[in-house]
Protein backbone atom coordinates (compact mmCIF):
# COMPACT_ATOMS: atom_id res chain seq x y z
CA MET A 1 0.00 0.00 0.00
CA ARG A 2 1.20 3.53 -0.70
CA TYR A 3 -0.03 7.11 -0.37
CA VAL A 4 -1.01 9.06 -3.50
CA SER A 5 -2.12 12.70 -3.53
CA LEU A 6 -5.52 13.44 -5.00
CA GLU A 7 -4.10 15.17 -8.09
CA ASN A 8 -2.07 12.06 -8.93
CA LEU A 9 -4.92 9.56 -8.68
CA THR A 10 -5.73 7.82 -11.97
CA GLU A 11 -8.48 5.55 -13.20
CA GLY A 12 -7.91 1.90 -12.36
CA MET A 13 -6.06 2.47 -9.07
CA ILE A 14 -7.28 0.26 -6.22
CA LEU A 15 -8.29 1.85 -2.91
CA GLY A 16 -6.09 0.59 -0.06
CA LYS A 17 -8.03 1.94 2.96
CA SER A 18 -11.80 2.31 3.26
CA LEU A 19 -13.17 5.86 3.47
CA PHE A 20 -15.99 6.94 5.80
CA ASN A 21 -17.91 10.20 6.08
CA GLN A 22 -18.24 12.22 9.29
CA GLN A 23 -21.39 10.27 10.23
CA GLY A 24 -19.39 7.01 10.12
CA MET A 25 -21.06 5.79 6.94
CA LEU A 26 -18.91 3.94 4.41
CA LEU A 27 -18.07 6.10 1.39
CA LEU A 28 -15.72 3.76 -0.46
CA GLN A 29 -14.74 0.20 0.41
CA GLU A 30 -11.12 -0.93 0.44
CA GLY A 31 -10.41 -2.76 -2.82
CA LYS A 32 -12.67 -0.49 -4.89
CA GLU A 33 -11.31 0.38 -8.33
CA LEU A 34 -11.24 4.13 -8.87
CA SER A 35 -13.11 5.57 -11.84
CA SER A 36 -12.92 9.14 -13.14
CA GLY A 37 -16.33 9.77 -11.54
CA LEU A 38 -15.16 8.58 -8.11
CA ILE A 39 -12.00 10.68 -8.34
CA LYS A 40 -14.13 13.72 -9.16
CA LYS A 41 -16.32 13.08 -6.09
CA LEU A 42 -13.23 12.74 -3.89
CA ASN A 43 -12.10 16.14 -5.10
CA GLU A 44 -15.49 17.56 -4.12
CA VAL A 45 -15.09 16.42 -0.48
CA HIS A 46 -11.51 17.76 -0.47
CA TYR A 47 -9.46 14.77 0.59
CA SER A 48 -5.78 15.56 0.10
CA GLY A 49 -4.91 11.99 -0.91
CA LEU A 50 -5.61 8.28 -0.48
CA TYR A 51 -3.84 5.02 0.20
CA ILE A 52 -3.86 2.68 -2.78
CA HIS A 53 -2.90 -0.94 -3.44
CA ASP A 54 -0.64 -1.77 -6.37
CA GLU A 55 1.85 -4.46 -7.33
CA PHE A 56 4.93 -2.52 -6.31
CA SER A 57 3.67 -1.52 -2.86
CA GLU A 58 2.58 -5.07 -2.06
CA GLY A 59 3.73 -5.97 1.45
CA ILE A 60 3.91 -2.37 2.69
CA GLU A 61 1.57 -2.29 5.68
CA ILE A 62 0.14 1.00 6.94
CA LYS A 63 -0.59 0.84 10.67
CA ASP A 64 -2.13 3.60 12.77
CA VAL A 65 -1.39 3.75 16.51
CA ILE A 66 -5.13 3.36 17.18
CA SER A 67 -7.68 1.44 15.15
CA ASP A 68 -9.60 3.16 12.37
CA GLU A 69 -12.85 2.24 14.14
CA ILE A 70 -11.89 3.92 17.42
CA ARG A 71 -10.61 7.01 15.59
CA ARG A 72 -13.86 7.21 13.61
CA ASN A 73 -16.10 6.67 16.67
CA ALA A 74 -14.19 9.27 18.69
CA SER A 75 -14.57 11.80 15.87
CA MET A 76 -18.33 11.22 15.74
CA ALA A 77 -18.58 11.53 19.55
CA VAL A 78 -16.80 14.90 19.41
CA GLY A 79 -19.15 16.00 16.63
CA ARG A 80 -22.23 15.13 18.68
CA LEU A 81 -20.86 16.92 21.75
CA LEU A 82 -20.12 20.12 19.82
CA THR A 83 -23.53 20.05 18.13
CA ASN A 84 -25.35 19.66 21.46
CA LEU A 85 -23.23 22.34 23.13
CA GLU A 86 -24.04 24.80 20.35
CA ALA A 87 -27.75 23.95 20.68
CA ASP A 88 -27.52 24.06 24.50
CA GLU A 89 -29.02 20.57 24.66
CA VAL A 90 -28.10 20.02 28.31
CA PRO A 91 -29.80 16.59 28.73
CA ALA A 92 -27.74 15.16 25.86
CA LEU A 93 -24.41 16.41 27.18
CA SER A 94 -24.11 13.80 29.92
CA GLN A 95 -24.54 10.99 27.38
CA ASP A 96 -22.08 12.70 25.02
CA MET A 97 -19.42 12.90 27.73
CA THR A 98 -20.00 9.28 28.75
CA GLN A 99 -19.29 8.27 25.16
CA ILE A 100 -16.21 10.49 24.93
CA THR A 101 -14.89 9.15 28.24
CA ASP A 102 -15.26 5.61 26.94
CA MET A 103 -13.49 6.56 23.70
CA LEU A 104 -10.60 8.18 25.59
CA HIS A 105 -10.04 5.10 27.71
CA GLN A 106 -9.99 2.98 24.54
CA ILE A 107 -7.50 5.35 22.90
CA ILE A 108 -5.21 5.30 25.95
CA ASP A 109 -5.42 1.51 26.26
CA GLU A 110 -4.57 1.00 22.58
CA ILE A 111 -1.60 3.37 22.74
CA MET A 112 -0.25 1.83 25.95
CA SER A 113 -0.59 -1.73 24.65
CA SER A 114 0.80 -1.01 21.17
CA SER A 115 4.13 -2.59 20.23
CA SER A 116 5.02 0.64 18.40
CA THR A 117 3.82 4.17 19.07
CA ILE A 118 5.48 5.73 16.03
CA VAL A 119 2.98 7.81 14.06
CA ASN A 120 3.66 6.28 10.68
CA ILE A 121 0.66 7.39 8.69
CA ILE A 122 -0.68 10.39 6.83
CA ASP A 123 -3.96 11.23 8.54
CA LEU A 124 -6.74 11.17 5.94
CA LYS A 125 -9.26 13.87 6.83
CA GLU A 126 -12.52 14.74 5.16
CA PHE A 127 -12.42 18.52 4.78
CA ASP A 128 -15.89 19.15 6.22
CA ALA A 129 -15.14 16.98 9.29
CA TYR A 130 -11.79 18.66 10.02
CA THR A 131 -12.75 20.06 13.44
CA HIS A 132 -13.79 16.68 14.86
CA GLN A 133 -10.97 14.69 13.28
CA HIS A 134 -8.34 17.28 14.24
CA SER A 135 -9.48 17.09 17.86
CA VAL A 136 -9.01 13.31 17.87
CA SER A 137 -5.61 13.55 16.16
CA VAL A 138 -4.38 16.11 18.72
CA CYS A 139 -5.64 13.84 21.50
CA VAL A 140 -3.78 10.81 20.09
CA LEU A 141 -0.52 12.66 19.40
CA SER A 142 -0.62 14.20 22.88
CA CYS A 143 -1.20 10.82 24.53
CA ILE A 144 1.77 9.31 22.72
CA ILE A 145 4.00 12.07 24.06
CA GLY A 146 2.48 11.67 27.53
CA VAL A 147 3.22 7.93 27.56
CA VAL A 148 6.88 8.55 26.74
CA LEU A 149 7.06 11.20 29.47
CA GLY A 150 5.84 8.60 31.99
CA PHE A 151 2.39 10.03 32.75
CA SER A 152 0.10 7.93 34.95
CA LYS A 153 -3.16 6.63 33.47
CA LYS A 154 -5.10 9.38 35.30
CA GLU A 155 -2.73 12.01 33.90
CA LEU A 156 -3.08 10.50 30.43
CA TYR A 157 -6.86 10.71 30.72
CA ASP A 158 -6.75 14.39 31.70
CA LEU A 159 -4.27 15.05 28.87
CA ALA A 160 -6.45 13.15 26.37
CA LEU A 161 -9.58 15.01 27.49
CA SER A 162 -7.75 18.35 27.25
CA GLY A 163 -6.51 17.42 23.77
CA ILE A 164 -9.86 16.34 22.42
CA LEU A 165 -11.57 19.48 23.81
CA HIS A 166 -8.75 21.98 23.20
CA ASP A 167 -10.69 23.91 20.55
CA ILE A 168 -14.11 23.64 22.20
CA GLY A 169 -14.27 27.44 22.53
CA LYS A 170 -14.53 27.74 18.75
CA ILE A 171 -18.24 26.91 18.95
CA PHE A 172 -18.65 30.56 20.00
CA ILE A 173 -16.77 31.92 16.95
CA GLU A 174 -18.77 32.81 13.85
CA LYS A 175 -18.47 30.12 11.18
CA ASP A 176 -17.86 32.76 8.51
CA ILE A 177 -14.66 33.71 10.31
CA LEU A 178 -13.56 30.15 11.16
CA ASN A 179 -14.05 28.97 7.57
CA LYS A 180 -12.79 32.08 5.81
CA PRO A 181 -10.87 31.00 2.69
CA GLY A 182 -8.41 33.91 2.79
CA LYS A 183 -6.12 35.58 5.30
CA PHE A 184 -7.72 36.82 8.52
CA GLU A 185 -8.04 40.55 9.04
CA PRO A 186 -6.40 41.73 12.31
CA GLU A 187 -9.77 42.13 14.01
CA GLU A 188 -10.86 38.65 12.86
CA TYR A 189 -7.69 37.12 14.25
CA GLU A 190 -8.36 38.83 17.59
CA ILE A 191 -11.79 37.17 17.62
CA ILE A 192 -10.23 33.77 16.81
CA LYS A 193 -7.80 34.22 19.70
CA THR A 194 -10.66 34.41 22.20
CA HIS A 195 -11.48 30.71 21.74
CA SER A 196 -9.07 29.44 24.40
CA GLN A 197 -10.56 31.78 27.05
CA LEU A 198 -14.10 30.93 25.91
CA GLY A 199 -13.30 27.22 26.05
CA PHE A 200 -11.94 27.59 29.59
CA GLU A 201 -15.07 29.44 30.69
CA LEU A 202 -17.32 26.80 29.14
CA ILE A 203 -15.45 23.99 30.90
CA HIS A 204 -15.49 25.93 34.19
CA ASN A 205 -19.19 26.85 34.05
CA LYS A 206 -20.89 23.85 32.43
CA CYS A 207 -18.65 20.78 32.70
CA ARG A 208 -17.45 18.99 35.80
CA PHE A 209 -13.90 18.39 34.69
CA SER A 210 -10.76 18.78 36.74
CA HIS A 211 -9.30 22.27 36.93
CA LYS A 212 -6.25 20.91 35.06
CA VAL A 213 -8.37 20.29 31.96
CA GLY A 214 -9.73 23.82 31.92
CA LYS A 215 -6.28 25.26 32.51
CA ALA A 216 -4.83 23.14 29.69
CA ILE A 217 -7.47 24.47 27.28
CA LEU A 218 -6.81 28.04 28.42
CA HIS A 219 -3.04 27.70 27.87
CA HIS A 220 -2.85 25.68 24.65
CA HIS A 221 -1.86 28.72 22.56
CA GLU A 222 0.74 29.97 25.03
CA ARG A 223 4.29 29.66 23.68
CA PHE A 224 7.48 28.63 25.46
CA ASP A 225 9.17 31.99 24.81
CA GLY A 226 6.16 33.99 26.02
CA GLY A 227 4.92 34.89 22.54
CA GLY A 228 1.52 33.18 22.77
CA TYR A 229 -1.92 34.09 24.07
CA PRO A 230 -4.09 34.89 26.02
CA LEU A 231 -1.89 35.39 29.11
CA LYS A 232 1.63 35.63 27.60
CA LYS A 233 2.81 32.86 29.90
CA LYS A 234 6.35 31.57 29.48
CA GLY A 235 8.32 28.34 29.97
CA LYS A 236 7.36 26.19 32.95
CA ASP A 237 4.55 28.63 33.88
CA ILE A 238 2.58 27.07 31.02
CA MET A 239 0.54 24.00 31.99
CA ILE A 240 2.47 20.86 30.90
CA TYR A 241 -0.60 19.44 29.14
CA SER A 242 -0.85 22.67 27.16
CA GLN A 243 2.82 22.48 26.18
CA ILE A 244 2.22 19.01 24.75
CA ILE A 245 -1.04 19.95 23.03
CA ALA A 246 0.66 22.99 21.46
CA VAL A 247 3.08 20.73 19.56
CA ALA A 248 0.39 18.22 18.54
CA ASP A 249 -2.03 20.97 17.51
CA VAL A 250 0.43 22.81 15.27
CA TYR A 251 1.74 19.64 13.62
CA ASP A 252 -1.70 18.26 12.80
CA ALA A 253 -3.03 21.65 11.63
CA LEU A 254 -0.08 22.15 9.28
CA THR A 255 -0.54 18.72 7.69
CA SER A 256 -4.31 19.20 7.17
CA LYS A 257 -6.18 20.95 4.38
CA ARG A 258 -7.80 24.18 5.56
CA PRO A 259 -10.05 26.77 3.85
CA TYR A 260 -7.14 29.21 3.52
CA ARG A 261 -4.31 26.84 2.53
CA ASP A 262 -3.32 23.39 1.34
CA PRO A 263 -1.62 20.94 3.72
CA ILE A 264 2.15 20.80 3.92
CA LEU A 265 4.12 17.56 3.94
CA PRO A 266 4.74 15.74 7.25
CA SER A 267 8.49 16.28 6.73
CA GLU A 268 7.95 20.05 6.43
CA ALA A 269 5.74 20.19 9.54
CA TYR A 270 8.31 18.05 11.38
CA GLU A 271 11.04 20.55 10.48
CA TYR A 272 8.80 23.44 11.56
CA VAL A 273 8.35 21.92 15.01
CA MET A 274 12.08 21.20 15.31
CA GLY A 275 12.93 24.72 14.17
CA ASN A 276 10.72 26.22 16.87
CA SER A 277 12.16 24.16 19.73
CA GLY A 278 13.03 26.49 22.61
CA GLN A 279 10.98 29.28 21.07
CA ALA A 280 7.36 28.24 20.56
CA PHE A 281 7.80 24.76 22.03
CA ASN A 282 9.39 23.11 25.06
CA PRO A 283 12.61 21.38 23.84
CA GLU A 284 11.94 18.33 26.05
CA ILE A 285 8.60 17.78 24.35
CA VAL A 286 10.06 18.37 20.88
CA ASN A 287 12.74 15.74 21.62
CA VAL A 288 9.98 13.20 22.31
CA PHE A 289 7.99 14.33 19.28
CA ILE A 290 10.87 13.80 16.82
CA LYS A 291 11.26 10.19 17.98
CA LYS A 292 7.56 9.38 17.63
CA ILE A 293 6.39 11.23 14.51
CA ALA A 294 7.66 9.94 11.17
CA PRO A 295 8.61 12.81 8.83
CA TYR A 296 8.45 10.28 5.99
CA PRO A 297 5.52 8.00 6.85
CA VAL A 298 5.42 4.42 5.62
CA GLY A 299 3.90 4.28 2.13
CA VAL A 300 5.23 7.65 0.97
CA GLN A 301 7.24 7.72 -2.27
CA VAL A 302 10.58 9.56 -2.10
CA GLU A 303 13.42 10.54 -4.39
CA LEU A 304 16.96 9.94 -3.11
CA SER A 305 20.11 11.96 -3.67
CA ASN A 306 21.58 9.11 -5.74
CA GLY A 307 18.76 9.49 -8.29
CA LEU A 308 16.82 6.39 -7.22
CA THR A 309 13.20 6.48 -6.05
CA GLY A 310 11.35 4.25 -3.66
CA ILE A 311 8.64 3.92 -1.04
CA VAL A 312 9.26 4.24 2.70
CA PHE A 313 9.00 0.71 4.11
CA HIS A 314 10.01 1.18 7.77
CA ASN A 315 11.06 3.97 10.15
CA HIS A 316 13.71 3.74 12.87
CA GLU A 317 12.65 5.38 16.16
CA ASN A 318 16.11 6.78 16.89
CA ALA A 319 16.81 7.87 13.32
CA MET A 320 13.54 9.14 11.88
CA MET A 321 15.21 10.95 8.98
CA ARG A 322 16.90 7.69 7.84
CA PRO A 323 14.15 5.18 6.95
CA LEU A 324 14.33 1.83 5.16
CA ILE A 325 13.32 2.36 1.52
CA LYS A 326 11.84 -0.18 -0.88
CA LEU A 327 13.41 0.87 -4.17
CA ILE A 328 11.44 1.12 -7.39
CA PRO A 329 13.36 -1.26 -9.67
CA LEU A 330 15.16 -0.02 -12.73
CA PRO A 331 14.96 -2.16 -15.88
CA GLY A 332 16.65 -5.49 -15.23
CA GLN A 333 16.75 -5.10 -11.44
CA ALA A 334 15.08 -7.39 -8.90
CA LYS A 335 11.66 -6.30 -7.68
CA GLU A 336 12.57 -6.75 -4.00
CA ASN A 337 15.42 -4.30 -3.51
CA TYR A 338 15.83 -2.28 -0.31
CA LEU A 339 18.10 0.51 0.88
CA ASP A 340 18.42 1.28 4.60
CA LEU A 341 19.51 4.90 4.96
CA ASN A 342 20.40 4.22 8.60
CA LYS A 343 23.22 1.85 7.69
CA ALA A 344 26.73 3.27 7.65
CA ASP A 345 27.26 2.27 3.99
CA PHE A 346 24.45 4.63 2.92
CA HIS A 347 24.97 7.63 5.20
CA ASN A 348 25.98 9.75 2.21
CA ILE A 349 22.54 9.23 0.64
CA THR A 350 19.69 11.51 1.67
CA ILE A 351 16.01 11.99 0.85
CA GLN A 352 15.78 14.85 -1.61
CA LYS A 353 12.08 15.05 -2.32
CA VAL A 354 8.72 13.53 -1.44
CA LEU A 355 6.82 12.37 -4.55
CA ILE A 356 3.11 12.15 -3.78
């Protein structure tokens, strides 16, 4: 299986991972052959790309750190909660939170029991369901970092809850501003910036969560060097959950399609986070992040400095920039040919470009 961007999909390609809409209904079944009509429909719902099966990528397995079903169910649970909060449907909120609590425990259990917690996948998001799916992704990424940092299960739950609700204050922001396709005007950006305070007030006034969760939501846009908002907090004065969520939030937002910009590559977002270590982000958290997030996820096609191309087959936790590559054979070469960039013999070879 390999990842192909939407603009490079062609008729006859075989879908490698099933697609579901934001209500959890199956859109396209794994194994479906893509027609020009299906590709057109996929463009209409603004996916950035898909995983496909083909002969060359046979044997390349794409594994998420949590199951697709749990990720999908958590996204729907967040969607229901936000809908009922906006409608002030108080009786439904208790049931919504029971479902979210159950989802969070499942997410934590899967992450803690996983043999590998490397994020080795490009997160496929339906454009219209971005808010819900982004919340789940931030929750998962934050939990992975929390596990490495040695958080207890109770701490992981509070971190997961903070992550999944970090943008809850955006329900109070006008949709025309949130979904604006162009650059925000200064006054619009000031309105956007109120969402962390609004989220904190909502948690404090309507939800019986620990104070840590509210504080984490309030602080998630604070920056390590004091350049964030709303309180201009700095360094260790920022809630630790917020420091973790800040990294997860920025990474996932950068790699997702938004109304005002296309997604950037995981490798570019990875470099952005690294480049802001000690400034926007806590260096300790960045050091965990770079060992757990693959800049070149499995299934991505790359071009090497020696002119060869291939598909990322495996990532090494302590050398994320040096994956094992399954080479695309040149005429006369064997089909099963691999190059491990982490081996001393190949240290002079680098990844030059991602070809998706």
